[in-house]
C-alpha atoms as a PDB file:
ATOM      1  CA  MET A   1      14.382   2.008   9.184  1.00  0.00           C
ATOM      2  CA  HIS A   2      17.865   0.982   9.144  1.00  0.00           C
ATOM      3  CA  MET A   3      18.791  -0.573  12.339  1.00  0.00           C
ATOM      4  CA  MET A   4      22.653   0.288  13.328  1.00  0.00           C
ATOM      5  CA  SER A   5      24.682  -1.686  15.670  1.00  0.00           C
ATOM      6  CA  LYS A   6      23.984  -1.706  19.389  1.00  0.00           C
ATOM      7  CA  THR A   7      26.870   0.502  19.971  1.00  0.00           C
ATOM      8  CA  ARG A   8      25.552   3.317  17.920  1.00  0.00           C
ATOM      9  CA  HIS A   9      22.716   5.487  17.925  1.00  0.00           C
ATOM     10  CA  LEU A  10      19.627   5.197  16.149  1.00  0.00           C
ATOM     11  CA  LYS A  11      19.098   8.467  13.921  1.00  0.00           C
ATOM     12  CA  ILE A  12      15.289   9.592  13.653  1.00  0.00           C
ATOM     13  CA  LEU A  13      14.899  11.990  11.013  1.00  0.00           C
ATOM     14  CA  SER A  14      12.005  14.766  10.518  1.00  0.00           C
ATOM     15  CA  ILE A  15       9.665  14.283   7.811  1.00  0.00           C
ATOM     16  CA  CYS A  16      11.464  16.942   5.487  1.00  0.00           C
ATOM     17  CA  PHE A  17      14.002  15.936   2.842  1.00  0.00           C
ATOM     18  CA  LEU A  18      16.645  18.664   3.605  1.00  0.00           C
ATOM     19  CA  GLY A  19      18.026  20.277   6.863  1.00  0.00           C
ATOM     20  CA  TRP A  20      16.679  17.290   9.114  1.00  0.00           C
ATOM     21  CA  PRO A  21      16.840  17.868  12.562  1.00  0.00           C
ATOM     22  CA  LEU A  22      18.202  14.988  14.349  1.00  0.00           C
ATOM     23  CA  VAL A  23      16.599  13.735  17.506  1.00  0.00           C
ATOM     24  CA  LEU A  24      18.738  10.779  19.063  1.00  0.00           C
ATOM     25  CA  TYR A  25      17.620   7.690  20.714  1.00  0.00           C
ATOM     26  CA  SER A  26      19.559   4.891  22.083  1.00  0.00           C
ATOM     27  CA  ALA A  27      18.537   1.576  20.442  1.00  0.00           C
ATOM     28  CA  GLU A  28      19.452  -0.398  23.372  1.00  0.00           C
ATOM     29  CA  ARG A  29      17.939   1.784  25.962  1.00  0.00           C
ATOM     30  CA  TYR A  30      14.534   2.228  24.250  1.00  0.00           C
ATOM     31  CA  LYS A  31      12.044   0.206  26.230  1.00  0.00           C
ATOM     32  CA  VAL A  32       8.734  -0.221  24.238  1.00  0.00           C
ATOM     33  CA  PRO A  33       5.723   0.730  26.321  1.00  0.00           C
ATOM     34  CA  ARG A  34       3.420  -2.112  27.694  1.00  0.00           C
ATOM     35  CA  THR A  35      -0.314  -2.108  27.421  1.00  0.00           C
ATOM     36  CA  ASP A  36      -2.311  -3.355  30.467  1.00  0.00           C
ATOM     37  CA  TRP A  37      -1.826  -6.827  29.794  1.00  0.00           C
ATOM     38  CA  GLY A  38       1.968  -6.507  29.106  1.00  0.00           C
ATOM     39  CA  GLN A  39       2.162  -6.519  25.387  1.00  0.00           C
ATOM     40  CA  PRO A  40       4.194  -4.170  23.372  1.00  0.00           C
ATOM     41  CA  ASP A  41       1.966  -0.925  23.058  1.00  0.00           C
ATOM     42  CA  LEU A  42       1.682  -0.214  19.256  1.00  0.00           C
ATOM     43  CA  GLN A  43      -1.608   2.162  19.573  1.00  0.00           C
ATOM     44  CA  GLY A  44      -2.020   5.287  17.811  1.00  0.00           C
ATOM     45  CA  VAL A  45      -2.195   6.869  14.347  1.00  0.00           C
ATOM     46  CA  TRP A  46       0.918   6.204  12.328  1.00  0.00           C
ATOM     47  CA  ASN A  47       1.804   7.808   8.873  1.00  0.00           C
ATOM     48  CA  PHE A  48       3.341   5.601   6.161  1.00  0.00           C
ATOM     49  CA  SER A  49       4.106   8.211   3.462  1.00  0.00           C
ATOM     50  CA  SER A  50       7.219   8.106   1.707  1.00  0.00           C
ATOM     51  CA  ALA A  51       9.217   9.661  -1.296  1.00  0.00           C
ATOM     52  CA  VAL A  52      11.356   6.556  -1.326  1.00  0.00           C
ATOM     53  CA  PRO A  53      10.601   4.400  -4.831  1.00  0.00           C
ATOM     54  CA  MET A  54       9.152   0.802  -4.151  1.00  0.00           C
ATOM     55  CA  GLN A  55      11.526  -0.561  -6.595  1.00  0.00           C
ATOM     56  CA  ARG A  56      15.470   0.294  -6.735  1.00  0.00           C
ATOM     57  CA  PRO A  57      16.795   2.518  -9.605  1.00  0.00           C
ATOM     58  CA  LEU A  58      19.327   0.126 -11.393  1.00  0.00           C
ATOM     59  CA  GLU A  59      21.936   2.589 -10.834  1.00  0.00           C
ATOM     60  CA  PHE A  60      22.038   1.722  -7.279  1.00  0.00           C
ATOM     61  CA  GLY A  61      22.523  -1.802  -7.810  1.00  0.00           C
ATOM     62  CA  ARG A  62      22.355  -3.892  -4.578  1.00  0.00           C
ATOM     63  CA  ARG A  63      23.127  -0.550  -2.340  1.00  0.00           C
ATOM     64  CA  GLN A  64      20.221  -0.124   0.024  1.00  0.00           C
ATOM     65  CA  PHE A  65      21.172   3.495   1.439  1.00  0.00           C
ATOM     66  CA  LEU A  66      21.997   6.762  -0.111  1.00  0.00           C
ATOM     67  CA  THR A  67      25.227   8.442   0.767  1.00  0.00           C
ATOM     68  CA  ASP A  68      25.220  11.596   2.858  1.00  0.00           C
ATOM     69  CA  ALA A  69      26.218  13.462  -0.118  1.00  0.00           C
ATOM     70  CA  GLU A  70      23.424  12.005  -2.117  1.00  0.00           C
ATOM     71  CA  ALA A  71      20.910  12.602   0.717  1.00  0.00           C
ATOM     72  CA  SER A  72      21.831  16.029   1.270  1.00  0.00           C
ATOM     73  CA  ASN A  73      21.215  16.670  -2.549  1.00  0.00           C
ATOM     74  CA  GLY A  74      17.786  15.723  -2.231  1.00  0.00           C
ATOM     75  CA  ILE A  75      16.067  12.553  -3.788  1.00  0.00           C
ATOM     76  CA  ARG A  76      14.596  14.091  -7.096  1.00  0.00           C
ATOM     77  CA  HIS A  77      17.255  12.055  -9.387  1.00  0.00           C
ATOM     78  CA  PHE A  78      15.557   8.827  -8.348  1.00  0.00           C
ATOM     79  CA  GLU A  79      12.318   9.647  -7.164  1.00  0.00           C
ATOM     80  CA  LEU A  80      10.805   8.249 -10.309  1.00  0.00           C
ATOM     81  CA  GLY A  81      12.762   5.094 -10.353  1.00  0.00           C
ATOM     82  CA  ALA A  82      14.635   5.841 -13.572  1.00  0.00           C
ATOM     83  CA  GLY A  83      16.088   2.742 -15.334  1.00  0.00           C
ATOM     84  CA  ALA A  84      14.316   0.338 -13.041  1.00  0.00           C
ATOM     85  CA  ASP A  85      11.641  -1.905 -13.971  1.00  0.00           C
ATOM     86  CA  VAL A  86       9.001   0.028 -12.432  1.00  0.00           C
ATOM     87  CA  VAL A  87       6.346   2.454 -13.579  1.00  0.00           C
ATOM     88  CA  PRO A  88       6.527   5.918 -12.419  1.00  0.00           C
ATOM     89  CA  PRO A  89       4.055   6.987  -9.608  1.00  0.00           C
ATOM     90  CA  ASN A  90       1.712   8.954 -12.146  1.00  0.00           C
ATOM     91  CA  ARG A  91       1.064   5.751 -13.852  1.00  0.00           C
ATOM     92  CA  PHE A  92      -2.609   5.954 -13.304  1.00  0.00           C
ATOM     93  CA  GLY A  93      -2.635   9.674 -14.461  1.00  0.00           C
ATOM     94  CA  ILE A  94      -4.008  10.899 -11.084  1.00  0.00           C
ATOM     95  CA  GLU A  95      -1.309  13.527 -10.607  1.00  0.00           C
ATOM     96  CA  SER A  96      -2.883  15.480 -13.612  1.00  0.00           C
ATOM     97  CA  TYR A  97      -6.033  16.177 -11.498  1.00  0.00           C
ATOM     98  CA  TYR A  98      -4.337  17.003  -8.306  1.00  0.00           C
ATOM     99  CA  ASN A  99      -1.813  19.934  -7.319  1.00  0.00           C
ATOM    100  CA  ASP A 100       1.230  19.373  -5.326  1.00  0.00           C
ATOM    101  CA  ILE A 101      -0.571  20.677  -1.820  1.00  0.00           C
ATOM    102  CA  ARG A 102      -2.763  17.421  -1.938  1.00  0.00           C
ATOM    103  CA  VAL A 103      -0.070  14.917  -2.416  1.00  0.00           C
ATOM    104  CA  ASP A 104       1.434  13.289   0.762  1.00  0.00           C
ATOM    105  CA  ASN A 105       4.954  11.992  -0.281  1.00  0.00           C
ATOM    106  CA  SER A 106       7.318  12.854   2.562  1.00  0.00           C
ATOM    107  CA  GLY A 107       8.912  10.156   4.757  1.00  0.00           C
ATOM    108  CA  HIS A 108      10.187   9.792   8.644  1.00  0.00           C
ATOM    109  CA  GLY A 109      12.991   7.384   9.052  1.00  0.00           C
ATOM    110  CA  GLY A 110      16.673   6.948   9.346  1.00  0.00           C
ATOM    111  CA  ARG A 111      19.008   6.842   6.417  1.00  0.00           C
ATOM    112  CA  PHE A 112      17.336   7.373   3.263  1.00  0.00           C
ATOM    113  CA  ARG A 113      16.830   4.085   1.496  1.00  0.00           C
ATOM    114  CA  THR A 114      17.432   3.498  -2.174  1.00  0.00           C
ATOM    115  CA  SER A 115      13.986   1.461  -2.352  1.00  0.00           C
ATOM    116  CA  HIS A 116      11.524   0.128  -0.065  1.00  0.00           C
ATOM    117  CA  ILE A 117      11.927  -3.493  -1.613  1.00  0.00           C
ATOM    118  CA  ILE A 118      15.053  -5.148   0.224  1.00  0.00           C
ATOM    119  CA  TYR A 119      14.486  -8.654  -1.231  1.00  0.00           C
ATOM    120  CA  PRO A 120      15.367  -9.684  -3.763  1.00  0.00           C
ATOM    121  CA  LEU A 121      18.647  -8.180  -3.338  1.00  0.00           C
ATOM    122  CA  ASN A 122      18.468  -5.813  -6.477  1.00  0.00           C
ATOM    123  CA  GLY A 123      15.415  -4.147  -4.844  1.00  0.00           C
ATOM    124  CA  GLN A 124      13.413  -5.371  -7.743  1.00  0.00           C
ATOM    125  CA  ILE A 125      10.007  -6.908  -7.876  1.00  0.00           C
ATOM    126  CA  PRO A 126      10.670 -10.727  -8.615  1.00  0.00           C
ATOM    127  CA  PRO A 127      10.228 -11.859 -12.110  1.00  0.00           C
ATOM    128  CA  ARG A 128       6.817 -13.274 -12.794  1.00  0.00           C
ATOM    129  CA  ILE A 129       5.615 -16.928 -13.422  1.00  0.00           C
ATOM    130  CA  PRO A 130       5.425 -17.411 -17.439  1.00  0.00           C
ATOM    131  CA  GLY A 131       1.919 -16.053 -18.639  1.00  0.00           C
ATOM    132  CA  VAL A 132       1.457 -13.530 -15.750  1.00  0.00           C
ATOM    133  CA  ARG A 133       0.968 -10.182 -17.174  1.00  0.00           C
ATOM    134  CA  ARG A 134       0.479  -6.708 -15.563  1.00  0.00           C
ATOM    135  CA  ILE A 135      -3.199  -5.898 -15.294  1.00  0.00           C
ATOM    136  CA  PRO A 136      -3.657  -2.531 -16.724  1.00  0.00           C
ATOM    137  CA  GLY A 137      -5.390   0.494 -14.736  1.00  0.00           C
ATOM    138  CA  GLY A 138      -5.737   3.992 -15.774  1.00  0.00           C
ATOM    139  CA  VAL A 139      -8.230   7.051 -15.393  1.00  0.00           C
ATOM    140  CA  THR A 140      -9.992   6.030 -19.040  1.00  0.00           C
ATOM    141  CA  PRO A 141     -11.309   2.577 -19.704  1.00  0.00           C
ATOM    142  CA  THR A 142      -9.131   0.219 -20.767  1.00  0.00           C
ATOM    143  CA  ASP A 143      -9.293  -3.293 -22.226  1.00  0.00           C
ATOM    144  CA  GLY A 144      -9.677  -6.108 -19.917  1.00  0.00           C
ATOM    145  CA  GLU A 145     -11.943  -8.472 -18.275  1.00  0.00           C
ATOM    146  CA  ARG A 146     -14.089  -9.165 -15.234  1.00  0.00           C
ATOM    147  CA  PRO A 147     -13.182  -9.284 -12.119  1.00  0.00           C
ATOM    148  CA  VAL A 148     -11.514  -5.713 -12.551  1.00  0.00           C
ATOM    149  CA  ARG A 149      -8.588  -6.240  -9.897  1.00  0.00           C
ATOM    150  CA  PHE A 150      -6.736  -2.740 -10.218  1.00  0.00           C
ATOM    151  CA  VAL A 151      -8.065   0.285  -7.993  1.00  0.00           C
ATOM    152  CA  VAL A 152      -8.303   2.895 -10.413  1.00  0.00           C
ATOM    153  CA  GLY A 153     -10.202   3.212 -13.827  1.00  0.00           C
ATOM    154  CA  GLY A 154     -12.025   0.396 -15.396  1.00  0.00           C
ATOM    155  CA  ILE A 155     -12.954  -1.486 -18.523  1.00  0.00           C
ATOM    156  CA  GLY A 156     -16.039   0.091 -19.491  1.00  0.00           C
ATOM    157  CA  ARG A 157     -19.228   2.132 -18.346  1.00  0.00           C
ATOM    158  CA  ASP A 158     -21.870  -0.947 -18.697  1.00  0.00           C
ATOM    159  CA  GLY A 159     -21.972  -1.415 -15.015  1.00  0.00           C
ATOM    160  CA  PRO A 160     -20.637  -0.930 -11.561  1.00  0.00           C
ATOM    161  CA  GLU A 161     -18.418  -4.070 -11.896  1.00  0.00           C
ATOM    162  CA  ASP A 162     -16.624  -2.499 -14.939  1.00  0.00           C
ATOM    163  CA  ARG A 163     -14.995   0.213 -12.705  1.00  0.00           C
ATOM    164  CA  GLY A 164     -12.155  -0.033 -10.566  1.00  0.00           C
ATOM    165  CA  LEU A 165     -12.172  -1.102  -7.081  1.00  0.00           C
ATOM    166  CA  SER A 166     -11.590   2.603  -5.533  1.00  0.00           C
ATOM    167  CA  GLU A 167     -14.184   3.989  -7.554  1.00  0.00           C
ATOM    168  CA  ARG A 168     -16.556   1.292  -6.229  1.00  0.00           C
ATOM    169  CA  CYS A 169     -15.436   2.176  -2.569  1.00  0.00           C
ATOM    170  CA  ILE A 170     -14.104  -1.334  -1.978  1.00  0.00           C
ATOM    171  CA  VAL A 171     -10.269  -1.050  -1.903  1.00  0.00           C
ATOM    172  CA  GLY A 172      -8.257   2.191  -1.909  1.00  0.00           C
ATOM    173  CA  PHE A 173      -5.020   2.953  -3.549  1.00  0.00           C
ATOM    174  CA  ASN A 174      -3.056   2.121  -0.218  1.00  0.00           C
ATOM    175  CA  GLN A 175      -5.409   0.278   1.821  1.00  0.00           C
ATOM    176  CA  GLY A 176      -3.496  -2.825   1.728  1.00  0.00           C
ATOM    177  CA  PRO A 177      -2.819  -5.402   3.023  1.00  0.00           C
ATOM    178  CA  PRO A 178       0.437  -4.678   2.521  1.00  0.00           C
ATOM    179  CA  PHE A 179       0.430  -1.054   3.168  1.00  0.00           C
ATOM    180  CA  THR A 180       2.149   1.001   0.311  1.00  0.00           C
ATOM    181  CA  PRO A 181       2.836   4.707   0.164  1.00  0.00           C
ATOM    182  CA  SER A 182       0.700   6.360  -2.076  1.00  0.00           C
ATOM    183  CA  LEU A 183      -0.541  10.016  -3.090  1.00  0.00           C
ATOM    184  CA  TYR A 184      -2.562  10.626   0.144  1.00  0.00           C
ATOM    185  CA  ASN A 185      -4.475   8.942   3.096  1.00  0.00           C
ATOM    186  CA  ASN A 186      -1.220   7.137   4.236  1.00  0.00           C
ATOM    187  CA  HIS A 187      -2.411   6.860   7.819  1.00  0.00           C
ATOM    188  CA  ILE A 188      -3.655   3.779   9.856  1.00  0.00           C
ATOM    189  CA  GLN A 189      -4.860   3.654  13.320  1.00  0.00           C
ATOM    190  CA  ILE A 190      -3.611   0.555  15.635  1.00  0.00           C
ATOM    191  CA  ILE A 191      -6.046  -0.448  18.467  1.00  0.00           C
ATOM    192  CA  GLN A 192      -5.153  -3.311  20.818  1.00  0.00           C
ATOM    193  CA  ASN A 193      -6.615  -5.515  23.553  1.00  0.00           C
ATOM    194  CA  LYS A 194      -5.666  -8.606  24.892  1.00  0.00           C
ATOM    195  CA  ASP A 195      -7.097 -10.903  21.948  1.00  0.00           C
ATOM    196  CA  TYR A 196      -7.271  -8.759  19.089  1.00  0.00           C
ATOM    197  CA  VAL A 197      -5.549  -6.029  17.286  1.00  0.00           C
ATOM    198  CA  VAL A 198      -7.598  -3.800  14.883  1.00  0.00           C
ATOM    199  CA  ILE A 199      -5.643  -2.010  12.047  1.00  0.00           C
ATOM    200  CA  MET A 200      -7.855   0.624  10.885  1.00  0.00           C
ATOM    201  CA  THR A 201      -7.025   2.690   7.470  1.00  0.00           C
ATOM    202  CA  GLU A 202      -7.632   6.230   6.605  1.00  0.00           C
ATOM    203  CA  MET A 203      -8.277   5.221   2.977  1.00  0.00           C
ATOM    204  CA  ILE A 204     -11.669   3.465   2.647  1.00  0.00           C
ATOM    205  CA  HIS A 205     -12.035   3.512   6.502  1.00  0.00           C
ATOM    206  CA  ASP A 206     -11.513  -0.187   6.439  1.00  0.00           C
ATOM    207  CA  ALA A 207     -10.788  -2.011   9.995  1.00  0.00           C
ATOM    208  CA  ARG A 208      -8.725  -5.327   9.764  1.00  0.00           C
ATOM    209  CA  ILE A 209      -9.162  -7.477  12.723  1.00  0.00           C
ATOM    210  CA  VAL A 210      -6.250  -9.433  13.522  1.00  0.00           C
ATOM    211  CA  LYS A 211      -7.020 -12.321  15.944  1.00  0.00           C
ATOM    212  CA  LEU A 212      -4.126 -13.122  18.226  1.00  0.00           C
ATOM    213  CA  GLY A 213      -2.934 -16.779  19.592  1.00  0.00           C
ATOM    214  CA  SER A 214      -3.952 -19.891  17.793  1.00  0.00           C
ATOM    215  CA  PRO A 215      -7.406 -19.206  16.571  1.00  0.00           C
ATOM    216  CA  GLU A 216      -9.011 -21.676  13.978  1.00  0.00           C
ATOM    217  CA  PRO A 217      -8.056 -20.206  10.341  1.00  0.00           C
ATOM    218  CA  LEU A 218     -10.787 -19.919   7.943  1.00  0.00           C
ATOM    219  CA  ASN A 219     -11.644 -22.654   5.693  1.00  0.00           C
ATOM    220  CA  ASP A 220      -9.779 -22.443   2.163  1.00  0.00           C
ATOM    221  CA  SER A 221     -12.952 -21.971   0.379  1.00  0.00           C
ATOM    222  CA  ILE A 222     -13.755 -18.579   2.066  1.00  0.00           C
ATOM    223  CA  GLY A 223     -11.853 -15.616   0.473  1.00  0.00           C
ATOM    224  CA  LEU A 224     -12.009 -11.972   1.803  1.00  0.00           C
ATOM    225  CA  TRP A 225     -11.076  -8.676   0.221  1.00  0.00           C
ATOM    226  CA  SER A 226      -8.323  -8.130   2.944  1.00  0.00           C
ATOM    227  CA  GLY A 227      -7.710 -11.754   3.616  1.00  0.00           C
ATOM    228  CA  ASP A 228      -7.906 -13.487   7.068  1.00  0.00           C
ATOM    229  CA  SER A 229      -5.206 -12.121   9.543  1.00  0.00           C
ATOM    230  CA  ILE A 230      -3.799 -13.969  12.588  1.00  0.00           C
ATOM    231  CA  GLY A 231      -1.256 -12.507  14.712  1.00  0.00           C
ATOM    232  CA  SER A 232       1.125 -13.438  17.222  1.00  0.00           C
ATOM    233  CA  TRP A 233       3.789 -11.534  19.547  1.00  0.00           C
ATOM    234  CA  VAL A 234       7.433 -12.625  18.682  1.00  0.00           C
ATOM    235  CA  GLY A 235       9.531 -10.645  21.338  1.00  0.00           C
ATOM    236  CA  GLU A 236       8.585  -6.945  20.524  1.00  0.00           C
ATOM    237  CA  THR A 237       7.349  -7.673  17.173  1.00  0.00           C
ATOM    238  CA  LEU A 238       3.802  -8.176  16.128  1.00  0.00           C
ATOM    239  CA  VAL A 239       3.885 -10.725  13.377  1.00  0.00           C
ATOM    240  CA  VAL A 240       0.515 -10.993  11.299  1.00  0.00           C
ATOM    241  CA  GLU A 241       0.107 -13.621   8.785  1.00  0.00           C
ATOM    242  CA  THR A 242      -2.921 -13.121   6.240  1.00  0.00           C
ATOM    243  CA  ARG A 243      -4.068 -15.881   3.952  1.00  0.00           C
ATOM    244  CA  ASN A 244      -7.569 -16.381   2.154  1.00  0.00           C
ATOM    245  CA  PHE A 245      -7.411 -13.336  -0.129  1.00  0.00           C
ATOM    246  CA  ASN A 246     -10.538 -13.629  -2.711  1.00  0.00           C
ATOM    247  CA  GLY A 247      -8.473 -13.324  -5.839  1.00  0.00           C
ATOM    248  CA  LYS A 248     -10.572 -10.225  -6.733  1.00  0.00           C
ATOM    249  CA  THR A 249      -7.412  -7.897  -6.263  1.00  0.00           C
ATOM    250  CA  GLN A 250      -4.047  -8.024  -7.905  1.00  0.00           C
ATOM    251  CA  SER A 251      -1.254  -9.824  -6.049  1.00  0.00           C
ATOM    252  CA  PHE A 252       1.234  -6.969  -5.999  1.00  0.00           C
ATOM    253  CA  ASP A 253       1.707  -3.989  -8.277  1.00  0.00           C
ATOM    254  CA  GLY A 254      -0.562  -4.883 -11.142  1.00  0.00           C
ATOM    255  CA  PHE A 255       0.504  -8.370 -11.404  1.00  0.00           C
ATOM    256  CA  GLY A 256      -1.738 -11.477 -10.896  1.00  0.00           C
ATOM    257  CA  SER A 257      -4.336 -12.278  -8.613  1.00  0.00           C
ATOM    258  CA  SER A 258      -4.282 -12.357  -4.771  1.00  0.00           C
ATOM    259  CA  GLU A 259      -5.938 -15.616  -4.521  1.00  0.00           C
ATOM    260  CA  ASN A 260      -2.826 -17.623  -3.620  1.00  0.00           C
ATOM    261  CA  LYS A 261      -1.044 -14.914  -1.942  1.00  0.00           C
ATOM    262  CA  LEU A 262       0.515 -15.370   1.687  1.00  0.00           C
ATOM    263  CA  LEU A 263       1.459 -12.126   3.306  1.00  0.00           C
ATOM    264  CA  ILE A 264       3.654 -11.820   6.401  1.00  0.00           C
ATOM    265  CA  GLU A 265       3.767  -8.233   8.298  1.00  0.00           C
ATOM    266  CA  ARG A 266       6.060  -7.412  11.233  1.00  0.00           C
ATOM    267  CA  PHE A 267       5.140  -4.317  13.149  1.00  0.00           C
ATOM    268  CA  SER A 268       8.149  -3.327  15.578  1.00  0.00           C
ATOM    269  CA  ARG A 269       8.069  -0.071  17.737  1.00  0.00           C
ATOM    270  CA  ILE A 270      11.809   1.028  17.623  1.00  0.00           C
ATOM    271  CA  ALA A 271      11.315   4.589  19.206  1.00  0.00           C
ATOM    272  CA  PRO A 272       8.798   6.856  20.636  1.00  0.00           C
ATOM    273  CA  ASP A 273       7.443   8.224  17.319  1.00  0.00           C
ATOM    274  CA  VAL A 274       8.515   5.178  14.861  1.00  0.00           C
ATOM    275  CA  VAL A 275       7.134   1.925  13.851  1.00  0.00           C
ATOM    276  CA  ASN A 276       9.256  -0.234  11.651  1.00  0.00           C
ATOM    277  CA  TYR A 277       6.933  -2.006   9.474  1.00  0.00           C
ATOM    278  CA  GLU A 278       8.104  -4.839   7.195  1.00  0.00           C
ATOM    279  CA  PHE A 279       6.152  -7.101   4.980  1.00  0.00           C
ATOM    280  CA  THR A 280       7.096 -10.365   3.061  1.00  0.00           C
ATOM    281  CA  LEU A 281       4.752 -11.257   0.193  1.00  0.00           C
ATOM    282  CA  GLU A 282       4.903 -14.932  -1.048  1.00  0.00           C
ATOM    283  CA  ASP A 283       2.742 -15.751  -4.036  1.00  0.00           C
ATOM    284  CA  PRO A 284       3.933 -18.895  -6.236  1.00  0.00           C
ATOM    285  CA  THR A 285       1.287 -18.441  -9.049  1.00  0.00           C
ATOM    286  CA  THR A 286       2.473 -14.916  -9.879  1.00  0.00           C
ATOM    287  CA  PHE A 287       6.211 -14.685  -8.806  1.00  0.00           C
ATOM    288  CA  VAL A 288       9.049 -16.911  -8.688  1.00  0.00           C
ATOM    289  CA  ASP A 289      10.434 -15.726  -5.507  1.00  0.00           C
ATOM    290  CA  LYS A 290       9.322 -13.634  -2.376  1.00  0.00           C
ATOM    291  CA  LEU A 291       9.273 -10.180  -1.901  1.00  0.00           C
ATOM    292  CA  THR A 292      10.434  -8.393   1.417  1.00  0.00           C
ATOM    293  CA  ALA A 293      10.195  -4.234   1.832  1.00  0.00           C
ATOM    294  CA  ILE A 294      10.585  -2.052   4.790  1.00  0.00           C
ATOM    295  CA  ILE A 295       8.520   1.224   5.453  1.00  0.00           C
ATOM    296  CA  PRO A 296       8.920   3.247   8.587  1.00  0.00           C
ATOM    297  CA  MET A 297       5.758   4.772   9.900  1.00  0.00           C
ATOM    298  CA  SER A 298       5.921   7.927  11.954  1.00  0.00           C
ATOM    299  CA  LYS A 299       3.557   8.782  15.020  1.00  0.00           C
ATOM    300  CA  VAL A 300       0.732  11.525  14.425  1.00  0.00           C
ATOM    301  CA  SER A 301      -0.723  13.296  17.088  1.00  0.00           C
ATOM    302  CA  ALA A 302      -3.835  13.445  15.314  1.00  0.00           C
ATOM    303  CA  GLN A 303      -7.090  11.405  14.629  1.00  0.00           C
ATOM    304  CA  LEU A 304      -8.560   9.748  11.641  1.00  0.00           C
ATOM    305  CA  TYR A 305     -11.689  11.078  10.343  1.00  0.00           C
ATOM    306  CA  GLU A 306     -14.241   8.982   8.298  1.00  0.00           C
ATOM    307  CA  TYR A 307     -13.483   8.526   4.823  1.00  0.00           C
ATOM    308  CA  ALA A 308     -16.527   9.516   2.721  1.00  0.00           C
ATOM    309  CA  CYS A 309     -15.995   7.599  -0.557  1.00  0.00           C
ATOM    310  CA  HIS A 310     -17.939  10.012  -2.904  1.00  0.00           C
ATOM    311  CA  GLU A 311     -16.714   8.097  -6.083  1.00  0.00           C
ATOM    312  CA  GLY A 312     -19.421   5.407  -4.742  1.00  0.00           C
ATOM    313  CA  ASN A 313     -21.975   7.875  -3.516  1.00  0.00           C
ATOM    314  CA  TYR A 314     -22.202  10.175  -6.327  1.00  0.00           C
ATOM    315  CA  GLY A 315     -19.316   9.812  -8.964  1.00  0.00           C
ATOM    316  CA  MET A 316     -20.574   6.100  -9.929  1.00  0.00           C
ATOM    317  CA  ALA A 317     -24.086   6.992 -10.374  1.00  0.00           C
ATOM    318  CA  ASN A 318     -23.544  10.060 -12.425  1.00  0.00           C
ATOM    319  CA  MET A 319     -21.122   8.119 -14.649  1.00  0.00           C
ATOM    320  CA  LEU A 320     -23.377   5.431 -15.423  1.00  0.00           C
ATOM    321  CA  ARG A 321     -26.351   7.808 -15.856  1.00  0.00           C
ATOM    322  CA  ALA A 322     -24.198   9.574 -18.724  1.00  0.00           C
ATOM    323  CA  ALA A 323     -23.355   6.165 -20.119  1.00  0.00           C
ATOM    324  CA  ARG A 324     -27.080   5.264 -20.345  1.00  0.00           C
ATOM    325  CA  ARG A 325     -27.797   8.614 -21.928  1.00  0.00           C
ATOM    326  CA  SER A 326     -24.902   7.571 -24.498  1.00  0.00           C
ATOM    327  CA  ASP A 327     -26.652   4.375 -25.010  1.00  0.00           C
ATOM    328  CA  SER A 328     -30.009   5.797 -25.630  1.00  0.00           C
ATOM    329  CA  ARG A 329     -28.572   8.269 -28.271  1.00  0.00           C
ATOM    330  CA  THR A 330     -26.971   5.209 -29.975  1.00  0.00           C
ATOM    331  CA  TYR A 331     -30.103   3.409 -29.894  1.00  0.00           C
ATOM    332  CA  SER A 332     -32.159   6.365 -31.345  1.00  0.00           C
ATOM    333  CA  ASP A 333     -29.591   7.028 -33.947  1.00  0.00           C
ATOM    334  CA  THR A 334     -29.621   3.216 -35.131  1.00  0.00           C
ATOM    335  CA  VAL A 335     -33.488   3.175 -35.182  1.00  0.00           C
ATOM    336  CA  ALA A 336     -33.381   6.404 -37.319  1.00  0.00           C
ATOM    337  CA  ASP A 337     -31.055   4.881 -39.636  1.00  0.00           C
ATOM    338  CA  LEU A 338     -33.364   1.976 -40.360  1.00  0.00           C
ATOM    339  CA  PHE A 339     -36.289   4.009 -41.055  1.00  0.00           C
ATOM    340  CA  ASN A 340     -34.405   6.231 -43.361  1.00  0.00           C
ATOM    341  CA  ARG A 341     -33.207   3.646 -45.459  1.00  0.00           C
END
């Protein structure tokens, strides 16, 4: 969400691209509600879907926002990030399996951004450390090695560890952290008490427990899928620092490993129905510089339902069963060839 000067009003847009009805809030008059123990209240279900590309198309240079004319003409011309160092949203081939009604790519925010990434200033993912390559992923098996760090597809069908993390129901497309808009299930629920904040994701139904205050951090030898999160209140903003990722996921956007990643997230409620979500990722073994992105989250008057991951319940077993049948036929053919010589 773009924050205007204090003398101007903050414009909150609806989730539609065109004909946006405007609801005006005064940024300086808005008072964040408090919990019973006096902390800013971030509780509720929030949606972070977006049609804005993560990386900025090169045509915009360092410009962060569309003009009114560009916004009124829609955003189709830059949805795919043409010309940028970015793979289009359908890089996994998923869209070929879903029609548009299943795709959640609207957004809620102020002025339309040209990209979610605001640093580096060109809106691009920082250059990689020499030798760091993009880890492939796709619907069909690709060349690769264990551990399989991408979420979709796999490197083979010999065993479950050769499949992508979402097929194993471990990490979803946009489960995070950090949260990045994806095809669907772009919701989180925030639950607070005095000493903890729980961030529950719609995707994979993961609950990340953020310890508040100054708790003892985990030993460096302990790695977790979603890392170890410690939070603190800085003014009206919840700042969450997450370390101790297990290295079995990518660092960001297909590059590197999460093992040495530091993630700093900031949650700020700037209007009754908007939380400004900002994250900064630092990974000196993957990128030469840090990366910062902003993604507005809109309040949803609904509840999260359980995410039943049937890829793991049924798809995995069926796929491996088919692979063993294929192995069996290959073995039978080999034996037959030996006897027919």
